[in-house]
């Protein structure tokens, strides 16, 4: 049985040099219309959490949310999935530092397409974790870390000499990336804690775009 997870795996294997013909049939079966290209799995967790909170079933809508495991891969994925490949509409979310990779890949794809394609991609000021911490505020993020049972780990982290002189915001942002899987976990936790009026603009705009 074909599902969006299987389609993502097939596309990822294709981008890594595998056969491309395996991606065509599931794209048709699933009626995939749009692919959201994300840098990593923590971004995917956040996008899916926001969609769920708004009662949206992205798979049913023909939207594939895909983590590329690195922004430098966006050109390759765009060629395979966009106008030169499967002919799907592309959009994405990236960090400010990776804007150039997305601009070259997705804006070029926009010019190759027909009809209204809109902006093409959305940019976080630093990264998505930075956006979420600013939206929630440091005290609220600390509350969530406590609720998730990570307060002791946070206190240990804050005692490290490298954290001296950093703002609480910077410390929290760094803490989320110190353990494998933590950014993914908190990508969902932080989004689920957002009130509708506090959703960071890049994330909000992305969901409105698909």
Foldseek 3Di string as FASTA:
>chain_A
DDFLVVLLVLLLVVLVPDDLVVNQVSLVVQVAAEEAEEAALLLVLLLVLLCVVVVHDCSNVNYRYYHNNHLLSLQSSLCCVPCVHNNHQYEYEEEPVSVVSQCVRQVVSVVVDDDDNPDRYFYDDGGVLLLLCVLQDLVRVQVLCVVVVNNVVLVVQCPDPVNPPPDSSVSVSVSQPPDPPSSNVVSNVSSNPGDPVRDRPRSVVVVVND
